[in-house]
Protein backbone atom coordinates (compact mmCIF):
# COMPACT_ATOMS: atom_id res chain seq x y z
CA ALA A 1 19.14 49.77 -70.82
CA ALA A 2 17.87 50.76 -67.36
CA ARG A 3 14.57 51.92 -68.87
CA ARG A 4 14.15 48.68 -70.74
CA ALA A 5 14.82 46.80 -67.53
CA ALA A 6 12.30 49.09 -65.78
CA MET A 7 14.89 49.91 -63.15
CA PRO A 8 16.19 53.18 -61.76
CA LEU A 9 19.62 53.89 -63.22
CA TRP A 10 21.32 53.79 -59.83
CA ARG A 11 20.05 50.24 -59.23
CA PHE A 12 20.84 49.12 -62.78
CA LEU A 13 24.45 50.28 -62.28
CA GLY A 14 24.74 48.27 -59.07
CA GLY A 15 23.79 50.82 -56.44
CA THR A 16 22.49 49.47 -53.18
CA ARG A 17 20.97 52.55 -51.56
CA ASP A 18 17.99 54.54 -52.68
CA ARG A 19 19.04 57.57 -50.66
CA VAL A 20 22.23 59.65 -50.77
CA PRO A 21 23.34 61.59 -47.72
CA ALA A 22 23.26 65.34 -48.32
CA TYR A 23 24.92 68.20 -46.53
CA ALA A 24 23.72 71.73 -45.90
CA SER A 25 25.70 73.95 -48.24
CA GLY A 26 25.97 77.71 -48.47
CA ILE A 27 26.63 78.41 -44.80
CA ASN A 28 28.01 81.92 -45.15
CA PRO A 29 30.25 83.99 -42.86
CA ASP A 30 27.33 86.07 -41.57
CA ARG A 31 25.08 84.44 -38.95
CA THR A 32 26.96 81.18 -39.42
CA VAL A 33 25.60 79.40 -36.38
CA ASP A 34 22.02 80.54 -37.07
CA GLN A 35 22.24 79.16 -40.61
CA ALA A 36 23.69 75.85 -39.47
CA MET A 37 21.12 75.42 -36.70
CA ALA A 38 18.29 76.13 -39.16
CA ALA A 39 19.74 73.50 -41.50
CA LYS A 40 19.99 71.05 -38.60
CA ALA A 41 16.36 71.74 -37.68
CA ALA A 42 15.46 71.02 -41.31
CA GLY A 43 17.03 67.57 -40.97
CA PHE A 44 20.59 68.04 -42.21
CA ARG A 45 23.28 66.21 -40.27
CA ALA A 46 26.33 67.36 -42.27
CA PHE A 47 27.34 70.91 -43.16
CA LYS A 48 29.60 72.89 -45.51
CA LEU A 49 30.94 76.28 -44.44
CA LYS A 50 32.08 78.87 -46.97
CA ILE A 51 35.50 80.18 -46.00
CA GLY A 52 38.07 82.38 -47.68
CA PHE A 53 37.05 85.62 -45.96
CA GLY A 54 40.24 86.05 -43.91
CA ALA A 55 41.86 83.76 -41.38
CA GLU A 56 40.26 85.40 -38.35
CA VAL A 57 36.71 85.20 -39.75
CA ASP A 58 37.16 81.69 -41.16
CA LEU A 59 38.64 80.20 -38.00
CA ALA A 60 36.11 81.92 -35.73
CA ASN A 61 33.21 80.66 -37.84
CA LEU A 62 34.51 77.10 -37.97
CA ALA A 63 35.16 77.12 -34.21
CA ALA A 64 31.63 78.43 -33.58
CA LEU A 65 30.13 75.71 -35.76
CA ARG A 66 32.20 73.02 -34.07
CA THR A 67 31.04 74.25 -30.65
CA SER A 68 27.39 74.52 -31.72
CA LEU A 69 27.14 71.28 -33.70
CA GLY A 70 29.42 69.16 -31.55
CA PRO A 71 32.69 67.31 -32.01
CA GLU A 72 31.25 64.54 -34.18
CA ALA A 73 29.28 66.69 -36.66
CA PRO A 74 30.61 66.39 -40.22
CA ILE A 75 31.64 69.92 -41.23
CA ALA A 76 33.32 70.49 -44.59
CA VAL A 77 34.88 73.79 -45.60
CA ASP A 78 35.24 75.36 -49.04
CA ALA A 79 37.56 78.30 -49.65
CA ASN A 80 36.06 78.99 -53.08
CA GLN A 81 39.56 79.35 -54.59
CA ALA A 82 40.27 82.39 -52.41
CA TRP A 83 43.84 81.59 -51.40
CA ASP A 84 47.26 81.48 -52.92
CA LEU A 85 49.49 78.49 -52.17
CA ASP A 86 51.08 79.94 -49.02
CA GLN A 87 47.68 80.86 -47.58
CA ALA A 88 46.33 77.41 -48.41
CA ILE A 89 49.17 75.71 -46.56
CA ARG A 90 48.81 77.99 -43.51
CA MET A 91 45.04 77.69 -43.41
CA THR A 92 45.05 73.91 -43.88
CA GLN A 93 47.19 73.64 -40.78
CA ALA A 94 45.10 76.17 -38.80
CA LEU A 95 41.76 74.59 -39.76
CA ALA A 96 42.89 71.09 -38.75
CA ARG A 97 42.38 71.74 -35.03
CA HIS A 98 38.64 72.09 -35.69
CA GLY A 99 38.42 68.75 -37.49
CA PRO A 100 36.86 69.60 -40.84
CA LEU A 101 35.70 66.65 -42.90
CA TRP A 102 37.38 68.04 -46.03
CA LEU A 103 38.70 71.24 -47.55
CA GLY A 104 37.64 72.21 -51.05
CA GLY A 105 38.66 74.96 -53.42
CA ALA A 106 41.84 75.94 -51.62
CA TRP A 107 43.32 77.87 -54.56
CA PRO A 108 42.31 78.67 -58.14
CA LYS A 109 41.98 75.67 -60.45
CA HIS A 110 44.16 77.23 -63.11
CA ARG A 111 47.19 77.18 -60.78
CA ARG A 112 49.31 74.06 -61.09
CA CYS A 113 50.34 71.88 -58.14
CA ARG A 114 53.88 71.16 -59.24
CA SER A 115 55.97 72.30 -56.31
CA PRO A 116 56.47 69.85 -53.42
CA PRO A 117 54.58 72.09 -50.94
CA ALA A 118 51.62 72.33 -53.32
CA ARG A 119 51.45 68.58 -53.75
CA THR A 120 51.70 68.12 -50.00
CA CYS A 121 48.96 70.64 -49.32
CA ALA A 122 46.69 69.23 -52.03
CA ALA A 123 47.21 65.65 -50.92
CA THR A 124 46.90 66.18 -47.18
CA PRO A 125 43.37 66.50 -45.84
CA PRO A 126 43.00 69.04 -43.05
CA SER A 127 41.71 66.29 -40.78
CA THR A 128 42.20 62.56 -40.41
CA ARG A 129 38.50 61.99 -39.68
C-alpha cells in the first residue's frame, strides 16, 4: 500500500520523523573511553556499553564513561545475559549510581522471571532517567 501511495513506509504508517536517533553500540571493556570518544567524534550522542565482565570492570568502565561523557549523556548498558538472578539484582543496584539509561540482557532469556525478586529486578530500571 505504501508503494502504491508512493510514500515511505514509515510515513504511510503515521510516522512523523524521517530520522531515528541511533546510539554507538559495541563499546567493549578494553579502551572504553577511547571507543566512546571516537563514537562521539563521529557524531553519536548516545552510547551502549557492553558489561558482564565482572563487577569491578563493569563499574569502573561505566564510571569512566560517565566522567568522560558527562552527567547528561545517555549511556545504556547490556550484560549480554552474563549474570544469574542474584548477580543481576546486585549489579542493577550498583549500576544505578552511574545513571544508565537502561540495562539489557541481565540474565539468559531461557530463565524464567517467576520469583518476586526476578520480577522486581526485571521491572525496575537501573535509573529513573
